[in-house]
Amino acid sequence: MSDLEVWLTIAALACATAVTRSSFWVIGEHVSIPTRVQEMLRYAPACALAAIIGPDLLLDPQGTVEFSFHNYKLLAGATAIAYYLVRRNMLETIVFGMACFTALRLLVG
């Protein structure tokens, strides 16, 4: 890609981001979102987080799914989920999950 193409792509993405983020502010209350859609949007952050974290936990560096005890990310993720179900504290869960992953990677691997 040439420099011009790169800058045009950056400008187009900036415009697309600005338009989509400001559309609800500009439109205001002229458009109402149905209650069913509002209820479904409550789950959007959890779905986005699962879409980001899921592949990282399940895939090995070659891109194949790995369900084994050699997948330290998956083991640390499972222990972090169990920790969260017991303690219900997100910050502690993040620290505990990272500590488990680091311990597995350094001590076992």
C-alpha atoms as a PDB file:
ATOM      1  CA  MET A   1       0.000   0.000   0.000  1.00  0.00           C
ATOM      2  CA  SER A   2       1.174   3.476  -0.753  1.00  0.00           C
ATOM      3  CA  ASP A   3       1.286   6.260   1.813  1.00  0.00           C
ATOM      4  CA  LEU A   4      -1.784   7.871   0.247  1.00  0.00           C
ATOM      5  CA  GLU A   5      -3.793   4.666   0.560  1.00  0.00           C
ATOM      6  CA  VAL A   6      -2.794   4.291   4.204  1.00  0.00           C
ATOM      7  CA  TRP A   7      -3.835   7.859   5.036  1.00  0.00           C
ATOM      8  CA  LEU A   8      -7.104   7.503   3.107  1.00  0.00           C
ATOM      9  CA  THR A   9      -7.876   4.313   5.041  1.00  0.00           C
ATOM     10  CA  ILE A  10      -7.146   6.034   8.353  1.00  0.00           C
ATOM     11  CA  ALA A  11      -9.359   8.982   7.385  1.00  0.00           C
ATOM     12  CA  ALA A  12     -12.199   6.705   6.268  1.00  0.00           C
ATOM     13  CA  LEU A  13     -12.051   4.701   9.505  1.00  0.00           C
ATOM     14  CA  ALA A  14     -11.977   7.913  11.563  1.00  0.00           C
ATOM     15  CA  CYS A  15     -15.068   9.197   9.743  1.00  0.00           C
ATOM     16  CA  ALA A  16     -16.878   5.878  10.154  1.00  0.00           C
ATOM     17  CA  THR A  17     -16.073   5.834  13.864  1.00  0.00           C
ATOM     18  CA  ALA A  18     -17.202   9.420  14.368  1.00  0.00           C
ATOM     19  CA  VAL A  19     -20.472   8.876  12.483  1.00  0.00           C
ATOM     20  CA  THR A  20     -21.412   5.686  14.287  1.00  0.00           C
ATOM     21  CA  ARG A  21     -20.551   7.009  17.743  1.00  0.00           C
ATOM     22  CA  SER A  22     -22.287  10.347  17.298  1.00  0.00           C
ATOM     23  CA  SER A  23     -25.413   9.043  15.570  1.00  0.00           C
ATOM     24  CA  PHE A  24     -27.340   8.466  18.801  1.00  0.00           C
ATOM     25  CA  TRP A  25     -26.312  11.880  20.098  1.00  0.00           C
ATOM     26  CA  VAL A  26     -27.341  13.651  16.881  1.00  0.00           C
ATOM     27  CA  ILE A  27     -30.598  11.742  16.429  1.00  0.00           C
ATOM     28  CA  GLY A  28     -31.548  12.130  20.064  1.00  0.00           C
ATOM     29  CA  GLU A  29     -34.939  10.814  21.068  1.00  0.00           C
ATOM     30  CA  HIS A  30     -36.421  10.890  17.564  1.00  0.00           C
ATOM     31  CA  VAL A  31     -35.816   7.166  17.237  1.00  0.00           C
ATOM     32  CA  SER A  32     -36.842   4.764  19.971  1.00  0.00           C
ATOM     33  CA  ILE A  33     -35.230   1.381  20.410  1.00  0.00           C
ATOM     34  CA  PRO A  34     -37.708  -1.427  21.090  1.00  0.00           C
ATOM     35  CA  THR A  35     -37.558  -2.892  24.594  1.00  0.00           C
ATOM     36  CA  ARG A  36     -36.689  -6.349  23.257  1.00  0.00           C
ATOM     37  CA  VAL A  37     -33.615  -4.918  21.507  1.00  0.00           C
ATOM     38  CA  GLN A  38     -32.647  -3.020  24.668  1.00  0.00           C
ATOM     39  CA  GLU A  39     -32.871  -6.262  26.648  1.00  0.00           C
ATOM     40  CA  MET A  40     -30.668  -8.045  24.118  1.00  0.00           C
ATOM     41  CA  LEU A  41     -28.085  -5.238  24.175  1.00  0.00           C
ATOM     42  CA  ARG A  42     -27.507  -5.913  27.894  1.00  0.00           C
ATOM     43  CA  TYR A  43     -25.616  -9.063  26.870  1.00  0.00           C
ATOM     44  CA  ALA A  44     -23.439  -7.392  24.220  1.00  0.00           C
ATOM     45  CA  PRO A  45     -20.450  -6.653  26.508  1.00  0.00           C
ATOM     46  CA  ALA A  46     -20.344 -10.237  27.805  1.00  0.00           C
ATOM     47  CA  CYS A  47     -20.553 -11.598  24.255  1.00  0.00           C
ATOM     48  CA  ALA A  48     -17.773  -9.280  23.077  1.00  0.00           C
ATOM     49  CA  LEU A  49     -15.581 -10.313  26.000  1.00  0.00           C
ATOM     50  CA  ALA A  50     -16.208 -14.000  25.290  1.00  0.00           C
ATOM     51  CA  ALA A  51     -15.374 -13.468  21.618  1.00  0.00           C
ATOM     52  CA  ILE A  52     -12.054 -11.906  22.567  1.00  0.00           C
ATOM     53  CA  ILE A  53     -11.033 -14.227  25.393  1.00  0.00           C
ATOM     54  CA  GLY A  54     -12.411 -17.538  24.086  1.00  0.00           C
ATOM     55  CA  PRO A  55     -10.048 -17.981  21.129  1.00  0.00           C
ATOM     56  CA  ASP A  56      -7.077 -16.921  23.241  1.00  0.00           C
ATOM     57  CA  LEU A  57      -7.841 -19.590  25.837  1.00  0.00           C
ATOM     58  CA  LEU A  58      -8.666 -22.397  23.427  1.00  0.00           C
ATOM     59  CA  LEU A  59      -6.242 -22.007  20.511  1.00  0.00           C
ATOM     60  CA  ASP A  60      -2.575 -22.901  20.494  1.00  0.00           C
ATOM     61  CA  PRO A  61      -0.025 -20.782  18.559  1.00  0.00           C
ATOM     62  CA  GLN A  62      -0.640 -22.840  15.393  1.00  0.00           C
ATOM     63  CA  GLY A  63      -4.374 -22.057  15.506  1.00  0.00           C
ATOM     64  CA  THR A  64      -5.726 -25.460  16.468  1.00  0.00           C
ATOM     65  CA  VAL A  65      -8.008 -26.082  19.438  1.00  0.00           C
ATOM     66  CA  GLU A  66      -6.112 -27.596  22.352  1.00  0.00           C
ATOM     67  CA  PHE A  67      -7.962 -29.259  25.245  1.00  0.00           C
ATOM     68  CA  SER A  68      -5.060 -30.621  27.262  1.00  0.00           C
ATOM     69  CA  PHE A  69      -3.138 -30.033  30.450  1.00  0.00           C
ATOM     70  CA  HIS A  70      -0.411 -28.387  28.358  1.00  0.00           C
ATOM     71  CA  ASN A  71      -2.734 -25.461  27.584  1.00  0.00           C
ATOM     72  CA  TYR A  72      -1.836 -23.250  30.544  1.00  0.00           C
ATOM     73  CA  LYS A  73      -4.130 -20.432  29.448  1.00  0.00           C
ATOM     74  CA  LEU A  74      -7.145 -22.727  29.532  1.00  0.00           C
ATOM     75  CA  LEU A  75      -6.198 -24.117  32.952  1.00  0.00           C
ATOM     76  CA  ALA A  76      -5.658 -20.637  34.384  1.00  0.00           C
ATOM     77  CA  GLY A  77      -8.945 -19.457  32.856  1.00  0.00           C
ATOM     78  CA  ALA A  78     -10.847 -22.373  34.394  1.00  0.00           C
ATOM     79  CA  THR A  79      -9.323 -21.732  37.821  1.00  0.00           C
ATOM     80  CA  ALA A  80     -10.118 -18.022  37.497  1.00  0.00           C
ATOM     81  CA  ILE A  81     -13.756 -18.828  36.682  1.00  0.00           C
ATOM     82  CA  ALA A  82     -13.952 -21.116  39.716  1.00  0.00           C
ATOM     83  CA  TYR A  83     -12.377 -18.400  41.875  1.00  0.00           C
ATOM     84  CA  TYR A  84     -14.899 -15.856  40.638  1.00  0.00           C
ATOM     85  CA  LEU A  85     -17.826 -18.168  41.365  1.00  0.00           C
ATOM     86  CA  VAL A  86     -16.611 -18.479  44.958  1.00  0.00           C
ATOM     87  CA  ARG A  87     -15.483 -14.901  45.675  1.00  0.00           C
ATOM     88  CA  ARG A  88     -17.522 -12.722  43.230  1.00  0.00           C
ATOM     89  CA  ASN A  89     -14.759 -10.111  43.000  1.00  0.00           C
ATOM     90  CA  MET A  90     -13.566  -9.229  39.501  1.00  0.00           C
ATOM     91  CA  LEU A  91     -10.276  -7.553  40.443  1.00  0.00           C
ATOM     92  CA  GLU A  92      -9.230 -10.480  42.639  1.00  0.00           C
ATOM     93  CA  THR A  93     -10.229 -12.869  39.848  1.00  0.00           C
ATOM     94  CA  ILE A  94      -7.984 -11.097  37.338  1.00  0.00           C
ATOM     95  CA  VAL A  95      -5.028 -11.129  39.739  1.00  0.00           C
ATOM     96  CA  PHE A  96      -5.658 -14.779  40.685  1.00  0.00           C
ATOM     97  CA  GLY A  97      -5.992 -15.882  37.060  1.00  0.00           C
ATOM     98  CA  MET A  98      -2.806 -14.115  36.018  1.00  0.00           C
ATOM     99  CA  ALA A  99      -0.958 -15.522  39.042  1.00  0.00           C
ATOM    100  CA  CYS A 100      -2.113 -19.049  38.117  1.00  0.00           C
ATOM    101  CA  PHE A 101      -1.065 -18.585  34.516  1.00  0.00           C
ATOM    102  CA  THR A 102       2.339 -17.206  35.493  1.00  0.00           C
ATOM    103  CA  ALA A 103       2.901 -20.013  38.012  1.00  0.00           C
ATOM    104  CA  LEU A 104       1.950 -22.690  35.472  1.00  0.00           C
ATOM    105  CA  ARG A 105       4.128 -21.156  32.781  1.00  0.00           C
ATOM    106  CA  LEU A 106       7.192 -20.693  35.010  1.00  0.00           C
ATOM    107  CA  LEU A 107       7.004 -23.741  37.280  1.00  0.00           C
ATOM    108  CA  VAL A 108       5.535 -26.425  35.032  1.00  0.00           C
ATOM    109  CA  GLY A 109       6.455 -25.247  31.550  1.00  0.00           C
END
